[in-house]
C-alpha atoms as a PDB file:
ATOM      1  CA  UNK A   1    -134.355  92.044 113.387  1.00  0.00           C
ATOM      2  CA  UNK A   2    -137.880  92.598 112.182  1.00  0.00           C
ATOM      3  CA  UNK A   3    -139.117  91.589 108.773  1.00  0.00           C
ATOM      4  CA  UNK A   4    -139.234  94.180 106.050  1.00  0.00           C
ATOM      5  CA  UNK A   5    -142.743  95.071 104.927  1.00  0.00           C
ATOM      6  CA  UNK A   6    -143.454  95.109 101.186  1.00  0.00           C
ATOM      7  CA  UNK A   7    -143.376  98.444  99.432  1.00  0.00           C
ATOM      8  CA  UNK A   8    -146.781 100.084  98.987  1.00  0.00           C
ATOM      9  CA  UNK A   9    -148.278 100.272  95.524  1.00  0.00           C
ATOM     10  CA  UNK A  10    -147.636 103.547  93.683  1.00  0.00           C
ATOM     11  CA  UNK A  11    -150.436 106.103  93.806  1.00  0.00           C
ATOM     12  CA  UNK A  12    -152.498 106.706  90.714  1.00  0.00           C
ATOM     13  CA  UNK A  13    -152.157 110.371  89.806  1.00  0.00           C
ATOM     14  CA  UNK A  14    -153.379 112.553  86.984  1.00  0.00           C
ATOM     15  CA  UNK A  15    -149.982 113.761  85.817  1.00  0.00           C
ATOM     16  CA  UNK A  16    -151.241 115.028  82.457  1.00  0.00           C
ATOM     17  CA  UNK A  17    -153.723 117.413  84.078  1.00  0.00           C
ATOM     18  CA  UNK A  18    -151.106 118.687  86.526  1.00  0.00           C
ATOM     19  CA  UNK A  19    -148.498 119.334  83.839  1.00  0.00           C
ATOM     20  CA  UNK A  20    -151.049 120.896  81.496  1.00  0.00           C
ATOM     21  CA  UNK A  21    -152.184 123.254  84.273  1.00  0.00           C
ATOM     22  CA  UNK A  22    -148.609 124.367  84.899  1.00  0.00           C
ATOM     23  CA  UNK A  23    -147.992 124.892  81.183  1.00  0.00           C
ATOM     24  CA  UNK A  24    -151.125 127.029  80.866  1.00  0.00           C
ATOM     25  CA  UNK A  25    -150.022 129.094  83.863  1.00  0.00           C
ATOM     26  CA  UNK A  26    -146.633 129.702  82.197  1.00  0.00           C
ATOM     27  CA  UNK A  27    -148.452 130.790  79.026  1.00  0.00           C
ATOM     28  CA  UNK A  28    -150.563 133.228  81.039  1.00  0.00           C
ATOM     29  CA  UNK A  29    -147.409 134.528  82.727  1.00  0.00           C
ATOM     30  CA  UNK A  30    -145.822 135.046  79.302  1.00  0.00           C
ATOM     31  CA  UNK A  31    -148.845 137.045  78.140  1.00  0.00           C
ATOM     32  CA  UNK A  32    -148.727 139.186  81.281  1.00  0.00           C
ATOM     33  CA  UNK A  33    -144.996 139.810  80.894  1.00  0.00           C
ATOM     34  CA  UNK A  34    -145.286 140.757  77.225  1.00  0.00           C
ATOM     35  CA  UNK A  35    -148.515 142.771  77.365  1.00  0.00           C
ATOM     36  CA  UNK A  36    -148.562 144.337  80.837  1.00  0.00           C
ATOM     37  CA  UNK A  37    -145.080 144.461  82.312  1.00  0.00           C
ATOM     38  CA  UNK A  38    -143.051 144.977  79.107  1.00  0.00           C
ATOM     39  CA  UNK A  39    -139.639 144.648  80.757  1.00  0.00           C
ATOM     40  CA  UNK A  40    -136.618 146.233  79.049  1.00  0.00           C
ATOM     41  CA  UNK A  41    -134.707 143.000  79.686  1.00  0.00           C
ATOM     42  CA  UNK A  42    -136.016 139.952  77.734  1.00  0.00           C
ATOM     43  CA  UNK A  43    -135.082 137.420  80.433  1.00  0.00           C
ATOM     44  CA  UNK A  44    -138.527 137.239  82.128  1.00  0.00           C
ATOM     45  CA  UNK A  45    -140.125 136.393  78.789  1.00  0.00           C
ATOM     46  CA  UNK A  46    -137.532 133.704  78.122  1.00  0.00           C
ATOM     47  CA  UNK A  47    -138.138 132.179  81.546  1.00  0.00           C
ATOM     48  CA  UNK A  48    -141.815 131.827  80.619  1.00  0.00           C
ATOM     49  CA  UNK A  49    -140.947 130.337  77.223  1.00  0.00           C
ATOM     50  CA  UNK A  50    -138.681 127.778  78.877  1.00  0.00           C
ATOM     51  CA  UNK A  51    -141.452 126.926  81.355  1.00  0.00           C
ATOM     52  CA  UNK A  52    -143.841 126.301  78.462  1.00  0.00           C
ATOM     53  CA  UNK A  53    -141.240 124.203  76.649  1.00  0.00           C
ATOM     54  CA  UNK A  54    -140.544 122.071  79.710  1.00  0.00           C
ATOM     55  CA  UNK A  55    -144.277 121.614  80.230  1.00  0.00           C
ATOM     56  CA  UNK A  56    -144.716 120.388  76.660  1.00  0.00           C
ATOM     57  CA  UNK A  57    -141.786 118.020  77.106  1.00  0.00           C
ATOM     58  CA  UNK A  58    -143.361 116.780  80.341  1.00  0.00           C
ATOM     59  CA  UNK A  59    -146.664 116.097  78.574  1.00  0.00           C
ATOM     60  CA  UNK A  60    -144.892 114.125  75.858  1.00  0.00           C
ATOM     61  CA  UNK A  61    -142.863 112.144  78.405  1.00  0.00           C
ATOM     62  CA  UNK A  62    -145.787 111.289  80.684  1.00  0.00           C
ATOM     63  CA  UNK A  63    -148.027 110.213  77.819  1.00  0.00           C
ATOM     64  CA  UNK A  64    -145.267 108.002  76.429  1.00  0.00           C
ATOM     65  CA  UNK A  65    -144.655 106.509  79.890  1.00  0.00           C
ATOM     66  CA  UNK A  66    -148.367 105.832  80.415  1.00  0.00           C
ATOM     67  CA  UNK A  67    -148.627 104.151  77.014  1.00  0.00           C
ATOM     68  CA  UNK A  68    -145.723 101.859  77.883  1.00  0.00           C
ATOM     69  CA  UNK A  69    -147.287 101.002  81.226  1.00  0.00           C
ATOM     70  CA  UNK A  70    -150.619 100.166  79.558  1.00  0.00           C
ATOM     71  CA  UNK A  71    -148.846  97.866  77.081  1.00  0.00           C
ATOM     72  CA  UNK A  72    -146.942  96.104  79.866  1.00  0.00           C
ATOM     73  CA  UNK A  73    -149.937  95.693  82.211  1.00  0.00           C
ATOM     74  CA  UNK A  74    -151.568  92.676  80.473  1.00  0.00           C
ATOM     75  CA  UNK A  75    -148.201  90.891  80.233  1.00  0.00           C
ATOM     76  CA  UNK A  76    -147.606  91.408  83.955  1.00  0.00           C
ATOM     77  CA  UNK A  77    -151.029  90.045  84.852  1.00  0.00           C
ATOM     78  CA  UNK A  78    -150.517  86.931  82.729  1.00  0.00           C
ATOM     79  CA  UNK A  79    -147.048  86.259  84.107  1.00  0.00           C
ATOM     80  CA  UNK A  80    -148.167  86.889  87.687  1.00  0.00           C
ATOM     81  CA  UNK A  81    -145.217  89.146  88.386  1.00  0.00           C
ATOM     82  CA  UNK A  82    -145.205  92.308  90.437  1.00  0.00           C
ATOM     83  CA  UNK A  83    -146.484  95.488  88.737  1.00  0.00           C
ATOM     84  CA  UNK A  84    -143.944  97.748  87.114  1.00  0.00           C
ATOM     85  CA  UNK A  85    -142.955 100.868  88.954  1.00  0.00           C
ATOM     86  CA  UNK A  86    -142.362 104.144  87.147  1.00  0.00           C
END
């Protein structure tokens, strides 16, 4: 059997920008639904509201995760252990 290669390092991504872009798009969709389409059924508006809510939750979660990773980074470097994976 061949040896197993080490896992590659995780990619650095700009999660906050991505989530914020999606949240803004949901807000624009909500404005279009309420001002232009004006559906008799309120479900399309609620779908947009839920999209905005999930985007805000995602922003909170990613920022909290990034803060924890920044706090743990100096400890990992001092200990010489492998970097934490999200």
